[in-house]
Amino acid sequence: MRKETGELNNMEIVRLKDKLGTQQLPTAELLLKGTVAKLVGKPEQGVKNISKMLLVTRMYNSATAVGIMRRVIALARDYSSRRKIGKKLLSEMPLQMRVLSHMDVTHRANLIFFLSISILMSKYQAGTIKEDDDNLLRIFTPLLKLFTGKQVLEVCT
């Protein structure tokens, strides 16, 4: 990335991209004219190789989001079963039950979506995936990450 002198290795940052994902981890467009590099894979296979890695990281991100949703719901249920307001437990109040139910439905929908894509991912990793399923995997994996990432924030706030 850098020369021995510390300056960039003939890399020019064109712009930072406006993206839907993590804002704290910027994505940039770079010009690499004259950049000294080392080939780490087969020529002409870069996008193919990186897409495999992106599938795994997106699945990991989604699994984490779904797990966090489940944990937050468990904590909220536990708290509402202990917290008294007046002479009633919070868990006996209709509005609280509605909030917890909404959280639970959101979690279950995301879990089903995640498990459905996990089946495709398993076929992909086993080398038994058919072309239609491979296309679905490539289309739905970024959507899975997007939805679970947004909805974990909804459940947690």
N, C-alpha and C. Protein backbone atom coordinates (compact mmCIF):
# COMPACT_ATOMS: atom_id res chain seq x y z
N MET A 1 0.82 -1.19 0.00
CA MET A 1 0.00 0.00 0.00
C MET A 1 0.87 1.26 0.00
N ARG A 2 1.98 1.20 0.73
CA ARG A 2 2.87 2.36 0.79
C ARG A 2 4.28 1.97 0.34
N LYS A 3 4.98 2.94 -0.18
CA LYS A 3 6.39 2.75 -0.52
C LYS A 3 7.20 2.78 0.77
N GLU A 4 8.48 2.45 0.65
CA GLU A 4 9.35 2.48 1.84
C GLU A 4 9.47 3.89 2.41
N THR A 5 9.24 4.89 1.59
CA THR A 5 9.32 6.29 2.04
C THR A 5 8.08 6.70 2.84
N GLY A 6 7.04 5.87 2.80
CA GLY A 6 5.82 6.17 3.55
C GLY A 6 4.71 6.75 2.69
N GLU A 7 5.03 7.19 1.48
CA GLU A 7 3.99 7.74 0.61
C GLU A 7 3.21 6.62 -0.06
N LEU A 8 2.01 6.96 -0.53
CA LEU A 8 1.16 5.97 -1.18
C LEU A 8 1.85 5.40 -2.41
N ASN A 9 1.66 4.13 -2.66
CA ASN A 9 2.26 3.39 -3.76
C ASN A 9 1.52 3.68 -5.07
N ASN A 10 1.64 4.91 -5.55
CA ASN A 10 0.97 5.33 -6.79
C ASN A 10 -0.53 5.06 -6.75
N MET A 11 -1.13 5.33 -5.61
CA MET A 11 -2.57 5.16 -5.44
C MET A 11 -3.19 6.54 -5.30
N GLU A 12 -4.25 6.75 -6.05
CA GLU A 12 -4.96 8.02 -5.96
C GLU A 12 -6.39 7.74 -5.53
N ILE A 13 -6.83 8.37 -4.46
CA ILE A 13 -8.20 8.20 -4.00
C ILE A 13 -9.08 9.12 -4.83
N VAL A 14 -9.98 8.51 -5.61
CA VAL A 14 -10.88 9.27 -6.47
C VAL A 14 -12.01 9.86 -5.65
N ARG A 15 -12.68 8.99 -4.87
CA ARG A 15 -13.77 9.46 -4.01
C ARG A 15 -14.10 8.38 -3.00
N LEU A 16 -14.71 8.80 -1.91
CA LEU A 16 -15.29 7.87 -0.95
C LEU A 16 -16.71 7.60 -1.41
N LYS A 17 -17.11 6.34 -1.40
CA LYS A 17 -18.43 5.97 -1.90
C LYS A 17 -19.50 6.23 -0.85
N ASP A 18 -20.66 6.61 -1.32
CA ASP A 18 -21.84 6.73 -0.47
C ASP A 18 -22.48 5.36 -0.48
N LYS A 19 -22.54 4.68 0.66
CA LYS A 19 -23.01 3.31 0.66
C LYS A 19 -24.03 3.07 1.76
N LEU A 20 -24.72 1.94 1.64
CA LEU A 20 -25.73 1.56 2.61
C LEU A 20 -25.13 0.91 3.85
N GLY A 21 -23.94 0.36 3.72
CA GLY A 21 -23.34 -0.41 4.81
C GLY A 21 -22.73 0.44 5.90
N THR A 22 -21.75 -0.11 6.56
CA THR A 22 -21.11 0.52 7.71
C THR A 22 -20.43 1.83 7.30
N GLN A 23 -20.90 2.92 7.84
CA GLN A 23 -20.35 4.23 7.51
C GLN A 23 -18.96 4.41 8.12
N GLN A 24 -18.68 3.73 9.22
CA GLN A 24 -17.40 3.87 9.89
C GLN A 24 -16.28 3.16 9.13
N LEU A 25 -16.64 2.33 8.16
CA LEU A 25 -15.65 1.60 7.37
C LEU A 25 -15.81 2.06 5.93
N PRO A 26 -15.12 3.12 5.54
CA PRO A 26 -15.35 3.71 4.22
C PRO A 26 -14.91 2.80 3.08
N THR A 27 -15.60 2.95 1.96
CA THR A 27 -15.24 2.27 0.73
C THR A 27 -14.84 3.35 -0.25
N ALA A 28 -13.72 3.16 -0.93
CA ALA A 28 -13.22 4.20 -1.83
C ALA A 28 -13.03 3.66 -3.24
N GLU A 29 -13.08 4.58 -4.19
CA GLU A 29 -12.67 4.27 -5.56
C GLU A 29 -11.24 4.74 -5.68
N LEU A 30 -10.37 3.86 -6.19
CA LEU A 30 -8.95 4.17 -6.29
C LEU A 30 -8.47 4.07 -7.73
N LEU A 31 -7.50 4.89 -8.08
CA LEU A 31 -6.76 4.73 -9.33
C LEU A 31 -5.42 4.13 -8.96
N LEU A 32 -5.04 3.05 -9.65
CA LEU A 32 -3.82 2.33 -9.31
C LEU A 32 -2.82 2.38 -10.47
N LYS A 33 -2.64 3.53 -11.07
CA LYS A 33 -1.71 3.69 -12.19
C LYS A 33 -0.28 3.60 -11.70
N GLY A 34 0.43 2.57 -12.15
CA GLY A 34 1.83 2.42 -11.78
C GLY A 34 2.04 1.85 -10.38
N THR A 35 1.00 1.35 -9.77
CA THR A 35 1.12 0.78 -8.43
C THR A 35 1.88 -0.54 -8.51
N VAL A 36 2.86 -0.71 -7.67
CA VAL A 36 3.60 -1.97 -7.60
C VAL A 36 2.76 -2.93 -6.76
N ALA A 37 2.49 -4.12 -7.31
CA ALA A 37 1.63 -5.08 -6.62
C ALA A 37 2.18 -6.48 -6.76
N LYS A 38 1.63 -7.37 -5.96
CA LYS A 38 2.02 -8.77 -5.99
C LYS A 38 0.77 -9.59 -6.28
N LEU A 39 0.83 -10.45 -7.26
CA LEU A 39 -0.30 -11.30 -7.62
C LEU A 39 -0.52 -12.34 -6.54
N VAL A 40 -1.72 -12.40 -5.99
CA VAL A 40 -2.02 -13.35 -4.91
C VAL A 40 -2.99 -14.44 -5.33
N GLY A 41 -3.47 -14.38 -6.54
CA GLY A 41 -4.40 -15.40 -7.05
C GLY A 41 -4.22 -15.55 -8.53
N LYS A 42 -5.14 -16.25 -9.16
CA LYS A 42 -5.07 -16.45 -10.60
C LYS A 42 -5.46 -15.16 -11.31
N PRO A 43 -4.76 -14.83 -12.40
CA PRO A 43 -5.13 -13.64 -13.17
C PRO A 43 -6.57 -13.74 -13.67
N GLU A 44 -7.24 -12.59 -13.71
CA GLU A 44 -8.63 -12.48 -14.22
C GLU A 44 -9.66 -13.14 -13.29
N GLN A 45 -9.28 -13.49 -12.08
CA GLN A 45 -10.20 -14.16 -11.15
C GLN A 45 -10.44 -13.34 -9.89
N GLY A 46 -10.04 -12.06 -9.88
CA GLY A 46 -10.12 -11.24 -8.68
C GLY A 46 -11.52 -11.08 -8.13
N VAL A 47 -12.46 -10.67 -8.98
CA VAL A 47 -13.84 -10.47 -8.52
C VAL A 47 -14.45 -11.79 -8.06
N LYS A 48 -14.17 -12.85 -8.78
CA LYS A 48 -14.69 -14.17 -8.40
C LYS A 48 -14.17 -14.57 -7.01
N ASN A 49 -12.90 -14.34 -6.77
CA ASN A 49 -12.31 -14.70 -5.48
C ASN A 49 -12.83 -13.83 -4.34
N ILE A 50 -12.96 -12.52 -4.58
CA ILE A 50 -13.42 -11.63 -3.52
C ILE A 50 -14.89 -11.88 -3.21
N SER A 51 -15.68 -12.26 -4.23
CA SER A 51 -17.11 -12.49 -3.99
C SER A 51 -17.33 -13.67 -3.05
N LYS A 52 -16.46 -14.66 -3.12
CA LYS A 52 -16.57 -15.80 -2.19
C LYS A 52 -16.37 -15.33 -0.75
N MET A 53 -15.38 -14.45 -0.56
CA MET A 53 -15.12 -13.93 0.78
C MET A 53 -16.29 -13.08 1.26
N LEU A 54 -16.87 -12.28 0.36
CA LEU A 54 -17.99 -11.43 0.74
C LEU A 54 -19.20 -12.26 1.17
N LEU A 55 -19.43 -13.39 0.53
CA LEU A 55 -20.54 -14.26 0.93
C LEU A 55 -20.38 -14.67 2.39
N VAL A 56 -19.20 -15.09 2.75
CA VAL A 56 -18.94 -15.57 4.11
C VAL A 56 -19.08 -14.43 5.12
N THR A 57 -18.51 -13.26 4.82
CA THR A 57 -18.58 -12.17 5.78
C THR A 57 -20.00 -11.64 5.93
N ARG A 58 -20.76 -11.64 4.84
CA ARG A 58 -22.15 -11.20 4.92
C ARG A 58 -22.99 -12.18 5.73
N MET A 59 -22.73 -13.47 5.57
CA MET A 59 -23.45 -14.47 6.36
C MET A 59 -23.09 -14.33 7.85
N TYR A 60 -21.82 -14.11 8.13
CA TYR A 60 -21.39 -13.93 9.51
C TYR A 60 -22.06 -12.71 10.13
N ASN A 61 -22.08 -11.63 9.37
CA ASN A 61 -22.71 -10.39 9.84
C ASN A 61 -24.19 -10.63 10.15
N SER A 62 -24.87 -11.34 9.28
CA SER A 62 -26.30 -11.62 9.46
C SER A 62 -26.55 -12.55 10.64
N ALA A 63 -25.70 -13.56 10.78
CA ALA A 63 -25.84 -14.47 11.92
C ALA A 63 -25.69 -13.72 13.24
N THR A 64 -24.73 -12.81 13.27
CA THR A 64 -24.51 -12.01 14.48
C THR A 64 -25.72 -11.13 14.77
N ALA A 65 -26.26 -10.49 13.74
CA ALA A 65 -27.42 -9.62 13.92
C ALA A 65 -28.62 -10.40 14.45
N VAL A 66 -28.87 -11.58 13.87
CA VAL A 66 -30.00 -12.41 14.31
C VAL A 66 -29.78 -12.88 15.75
N GLY A 67 -28.56 -13.24 16.10
CA GLY A 67 -28.26 -13.66 17.47
C GLY A 67 -28.42 -12.53 18.47
N ILE A 68 -28.00 -11.34 18.08
CA ILE A 68 -28.17 -10.18 18.98
C ILE A 68 -29.65 -9.89 19.20
N MET A 69 -30.45 -10.00 18.12
CA MET A 69 -31.90 -9.79 18.27
C MET A 69 -32.46 -10.74 19.33
N ARG A 70 -32.09 -12.01 19.24
CA ARG A 70 -32.59 -13.03 20.17
C ARG A 70 -32.19 -12.68 21.60
N ARG A 71 -30.95 -12.27 21.79
CA ARG A 71 -30.45 -11.94 23.13
C ARG A 71 -31.17 -10.73 23.71
N VAL A 72 -31.37 -9.71 22.90
CA VAL A 72 -32.07 -8.50 23.36
C VAL A 72 -33.50 -8.83 23.76
N ILE A 73 -34.16 -9.68 22.99
CA ILE A 73 -35.53 -10.08 23.32
C ILE A 73 -35.56 -10.84 24.65
N ALA A 74 -34.59 -11.73 24.83
CA ALA A 74 -34.52 -12.48 26.10
C ALA A 74 -34.32 -11.53 27.28
N LEU A 75 -33.44 -10.55 27.12
CA LEU A 75 -33.22 -9.58 28.18
C LEU A 75 -34.46 -8.74 28.45
N ALA A 76 -35.14 -8.32 27.40
CA ALA A 76 -36.35 -7.50 27.55
C ALA A 76 -37.46 -8.30 28.24
N ARG A 77 -37.60 -9.56 27.87
CA ARG A 77 -38.63 -10.41 28.51
C ARG A 77 -38.31 -10.62 29.99
N ASP A 78 -37.05 -10.87 30.28
CA ASP A 78 -36.64 -11.07 31.67
C ASP A 78 -36.90 -9.80 32.49
N TYR A 79 -36.50 -8.66 31.97
CA TYR A 79 -36.70 -7.40 32.67
C TYR A 79 -38.19 -7.15 32.90
N SER A 80 -39.00 -7.35 31.86
CA SER A 80 -40.43 -7.05 32.01
C SER A 80 -41.13 -8.03 32.95
N SER A 81 -40.54 -9.20 33.17
CA SER A 81 -41.14 -10.15 34.12
C SER A 81 -40.76 -9.83 35.56
N ARG A 82 -39.82 -8.91 35.77
CA ARG A 82 -39.38 -8.52 37.12
C ARG A 82 -39.80 -7.10 37.51
N ARG A 83 -39.95 -6.24 36.53
CA ARG A 83 -40.22 -4.81 36.77
C ARG A 83 -41.69 -4.60 37.09
N LYS A 84 -41.96 -4.01 38.24
CA LYS A 84 -43.33 -3.71 38.63
C LYS A 84 -43.61 -2.24 38.41
N ILE A 85 -44.80 -1.98 37.90
CA ILE A 85 -45.29 -0.62 37.77
C ILE A 85 -46.61 -0.61 38.53
N GLY A 86 -46.59 0.06 39.65
CA GLY A 86 -47.74 -0.03 40.53
C GLY A 86 -47.77 -1.43 41.13
N LYS A 87 -48.89 -2.12 40.97
CA LYS A 87 -49.01 -3.49 41.48
C LYS A 87 -48.90 -4.53 40.38
N LYS A 88 -48.68 -4.08 39.14
CA LYS A 88 -48.60 -5.00 38.00
C LYS A 88 -47.17 -5.12 37.49
N LEU A 89 -46.87 -6.32 37.00
CA LEU A 89 -45.60 -6.50 36.31
C LEU A 89 -45.70 -5.86 34.93
N LEU A 90 -44.59 -5.38 34.47
CA LEU A 90 -44.53 -4.77 33.14
C LEU A 90 -44.98 -5.78 32.08
N SER A 91 -44.65 -7.04 32.27
CA SER A 91 -45.02 -8.08 31.30
C SER A 91 -46.53 -8.32 31.22
N GLU A 92 -47.28 -7.82 32.17
CA GLU A 92 -48.74 -7.99 32.15
C GLU A 92 -49.44 -6.83 31.44
N MET A 93 -48.69 -5.86 31.01
CA MET A 93 -49.28 -4.68 30.37
C MET A 93 -49.36 -4.89 28.86
N PRO A 94 -50.52 -4.61 28.28
CA PRO A 94 -50.73 -4.87 26.85
C PRO A 94 -49.73 -4.19 25.92
N LEU A 95 -49.36 -2.96 26.21
CA LEU A 95 -48.43 -2.27 25.33
C LEU A 95 -47.06 -2.96 25.34
N GLN A 96 -46.62 -3.39 26.51
CA GLN A 96 -45.34 -4.10 26.60
C GLN A 96 -45.40 -5.41 25.84
N MET A 97 -46.50 -6.12 25.97
CA MET A 97 -46.66 -7.39 25.25
C MET A 97 -46.63 -7.15 23.73
N ARG A 98 -47.23 -6.04 23.31
CA ARG A 98 -47.24 -5.70 21.89
C ARG A 98 -45.82 -5.42 21.39
N VAL A 99 -45.06 -4.67 22.18
CA VAL A 99 -43.68 -4.36 21.80
C VAL A 99 -42.85 -5.64 21.73
N LEU A 100 -42.96 -6.49 22.74
CA LEU A 100 -42.21 -7.75 22.75
C LEU A 100 -42.62 -8.66 21.59
N SER A 101 -43.91 -8.69 21.29
CA SER A 101 -44.40 -9.50 20.17
C SER A 101 -43.84 -9.01 18.85
N HIS A 102 -43.82 -7.69 18.67
CA HIS A 102 -43.26 -7.13 17.44
C HIS A 102 -41.77 -7.47 17.31
N MET A 103 -41.05 -7.38 18.41
CA MET A 103 -39.63 -7.74 18.41
C MET A 103 -39.46 -9.21 18.03
N ASP A 104 -40.32 -10.05 18.58
CA ASP A 104 -40.22 -11.49 18.33
C ASP A 104 -40.53 -11.83 16.86
N VAL A 105 -41.55 -11.21 16.30
CA VAL A 105 -41.90 -11.45 14.90
C VAL A 105 -40.76 -10.99 13.98
N THR A 106 -40.18 -9.84 14.29
CA THR A 106 -39.05 -9.34 13.50
C THR A 106 -37.89 -10.32 13.56
N HIS A 107 -37.59 -10.81 14.75
CA HIS A 107 -36.50 -11.77 14.91
C HIS A 107 -36.79 -13.05 14.13
N ARG A 108 -37.98 -13.59 14.27
CA ARG A 108 -38.31 -14.85 13.59
C ARG A 108 -38.24 -14.73 12.07
N ALA A 109 -38.71 -13.60 11.53
CA ALA A 109 -38.64 -13.38 10.08
C ALA A 109 -37.18 -13.35 9.62
N ASN A 110 -36.35 -12.65 10.38
CA ASN A 110 -34.93 -12.57 10.02
C ASN A 110 -34.24 -13.92 10.18
N LEU A 111 -34.62 -14.68 11.19
CA LEU A 111 -34.05 -16.01 11.38
C LEU A 111 -34.41 -16.93 10.22
N ILE A 112 -35.66 -16.91 9.80
CA ILE A 112 -36.09 -17.74 8.66
C ILE A 112 -35.34 -17.34 7.40
N PHE A 113 -35.21 -16.04 7.16
CA PHE A 113 -34.47 -15.55 6.00
C PHE A 113 -33.02 -16.03 6.06
N PHE A 114 -32.40 -15.87 7.23
CA PHE A 114 -31.01 -16.29 7.40
C PHE A 114 -30.85 -17.79 7.17
N LEU A 115 -31.73 -18.60 7.75
CA LEU A 115 -31.61 -20.05 7.60
C LEU A 115 -31.85 -20.49 6.15
N SER A 116 -32.73 -19.80 5.46
CA SER A 116 -32.97 -20.12 4.04
C SER A 116 -31.72 -19.87 3.20
N ILE A 117 -31.08 -18.77 3.45
CA ILE A 117 -29.85 -18.45 2.71
C ILE A 117 -28.71 -19.36 3.16
N SER A 118 -28.74 -19.79 4.42
CA SER A 118 -27.72 -20.71 4.92
C SER A 118 -27.77 -22.05 4.19
N ILE A 119 -28.96 -22.48 3.83
CA ILE A 119 -29.09 -23.73 3.06
C ILE A 119 -28.38 -23.58 1.72
N LEU A 120 -28.60 -22.45 1.06
CA LEU A 120 -27.93 -22.20 -0.22
C LEU A 120 -26.41 -22.12 -0.03
N MET A 121 -25.99 -21.47 1.06
CA MET A 121 -24.56 -21.34 1.34
C MET A 121 -23.93 -22.72 1.57
N SER A 122 -24.65 -23.60 2.25
CA SER A 122 -24.14 -24.96 2.48
C SER A 122 -23.96 -25.70 1.17
N LYS A 123 -24.92 -25.56 0.27
CA LYS A 123 -24.81 -26.19 -1.05
C LYS A 123 -23.62 -25.62 -1.82
N TYR A 124 -23.45 -24.30 -1.72
CA TYR A 124 -22.34 -23.64 -2.41
C TYR A 124 -21.01 -24.17 -1.89
N GLN A 125 -20.86 -24.24 -0.57
CA GLN A 125 -19.60 -24.69 0.01
C GLN A 125 -19.33 -26.17 -0.25
N ALA A 126 -20.40 -26.96 -0.41
CA ALA A 126 -20.25 -28.38 -0.70
C ALA A 126 -20.01 -28.64 -2.19
N GLY A 127 -20.17 -27.59 -3.00
CA GLY A 127 -19.97 -27.74 -4.43
C GLY A 127 -21.14 -28.40 -5.14
N THR A 128 -22.31 -28.41 -4.51
CA THR A 128 -23.48 -29.08 -5.09
C THR A 128 -24.57 -28.09 -5.50
N ILE A 129 -24.25 -26.80 -5.50
CA ILE A 129 -25.27 -25.80 -5.80
C ILE A 129 -25.56 -25.77 -7.30
N LYS A 130 -26.84 -25.63 -7.62
CA LYS A 130 -27.25 -25.51 -9.01
C LYS A 130 -27.20 -24.04 -9.41
N GLU A 131 -27.19 -23.76 -10.71
CA GLU A 131 -27.02 -22.40 -11.20
C GLU A 131 -28.10 -21.46 -10.68
N ASP A 132 -29.36 -21.88 -10.66
CA ASP A 132 -30.44 -21.02 -10.16
C ASP A 132 -30.23 -20.67 -8.68
N ASP A 133 -29.87 -21.67 -7.90
CA ASP A 133 -29.62 -21.43 -6.47
C ASP A 133 -28.39 -20.54 -6.27
N ASP A 134 -27.38 -20.71 -7.11
CA ASP A 134 -26.18 -19.87 -7.02
C ASP A 134 -26.54 -18.41 -7.30
N ASN A 135 -27.39 -18.19 -8.28
CA ASN A 135 -27.85 -16.82 -8.57
C ASN A 135 -28.64 -16.25 -7.40
N LEU A 136 -29.51 -17.08 -6.82
CA LEU A 136 -30.27 -16.62 -5.65
C LEU A 136 -29.34 -16.27 -4.49
N LEU A 137 -28.34 -17.08 -4.28
CA LEU A 137 -27.37 -16.84 -3.20
C LEU A 137 -26.67 -15.49 -3.41
N ARG A 138 -26.23 -15.23 -4.63
CA ARG A 138 -25.52 -13.97 -4.92
C ARG A 138 -26.45 -12.76 -4.79
N ILE A 139 -27.73 -12.94 -5.10
CA ILE A 139 -28.68 -11.83 -5.00
C ILE A 139 -29.11 -11.60 -3.56
N PHE A 140 -29.44 -12.69 -2.86
CA PHE A 140 -30.05 -12.55 -1.53
C PHE A 140 -29.06 -12.33 -0.39
N THR A 141 -27.80 -12.71 -0.55
CA THR A 141 -26.85 -12.54 0.55
C THR A 141 -26.65 -11.06 0.91
N PRO A 142 -26.44 -10.16 -0.04
CA PRO A 142 -26.34 -8.74 0.35
C PRO A 142 -27.64 -8.20 0.92
N LEU A 143 -28.78 -8.68 0.40
CA LEU A 143 -30.07 -8.24 0.95
C LEU A 143 -30.25 -8.73 2.37
N LEU A 144 -29.83 -9.96 2.63
CA LEU A 144 -29.90 -10.52 3.98
C LEU A 144 -29.10 -9.64 4.95
N LYS A 145 -27.89 -9.29 4.55
CA LYS A 145 -27.05 -8.44 5.41
C LYS A 145 -27.73 -7.09 5.64
N LEU A 146 -28.27 -6.51 4.59
CA LEU A 146 -28.94 -5.22 4.70
C LEU A 146 -30.13 -5.28 5.65
N PHE A 147 -31.02 -6.26 5.44
CA PHE A 147 -32.22 -6.35 6.27
C PHE A 147 -31.89 -6.67 7.73
N THR A 148 -31.03 -7.65 7.96
CA THR A 148 -30.72 -8.01 9.35
C THR A 148 -29.99 -6.87 10.05
N GLY A 149 -29.13 -6.18 9.32
CA GLY A 149 -28.41 -5.04 9.90
C GLY A 149 -29.34 -3.91 10.30
N LYS A 150 -30.32 -3.62 9.45
CA LYS A 150 -31.27 -2.55 9.78
C LYS A 150 -32.23 -2.99 10.89
N GLN A 151 -32.67 -4.23 10.83
CA GLN A 151 -33.69 -4.65 11.78
C GLN A 151 -33.13 -4.98 13.16
N VAL A 152 -31.85 -5.31 13.25
CA VAL A 152 -31.27 -5.49 14.58
C VAL A 152 -31.27 -4.15 15.31
N LEU A 153 -31.06 -3.06 14.58
CA LEU A 153 -31.13 -1.74 15.20
C LEU A 153 -32.54 -1.42 15.66
N GLU A 154 -33.52 -1.83 14.86
CA GLU A 154 -34.92 -1.60 15.23
C GLU A 154 -35.27 -2.37 16.51
N VAL A 155 -34.84 -3.60 16.59
CA VAL A 155 -35.14 -4.43 17.78
C VAL A 155 -34.42 -3.91 19.01
N CYS A 156 -33.22 -3.40 18.83
CA CYS A 156 -32.39 -2.98 19.97
C CYS A 156 -32.71 -1.58 20.47
N THR A 157 -33.50 -0.81 19.74
CA THR A 157 -33.77 0.56 20.19
C THR A 157 -35.21 0.75 20.59
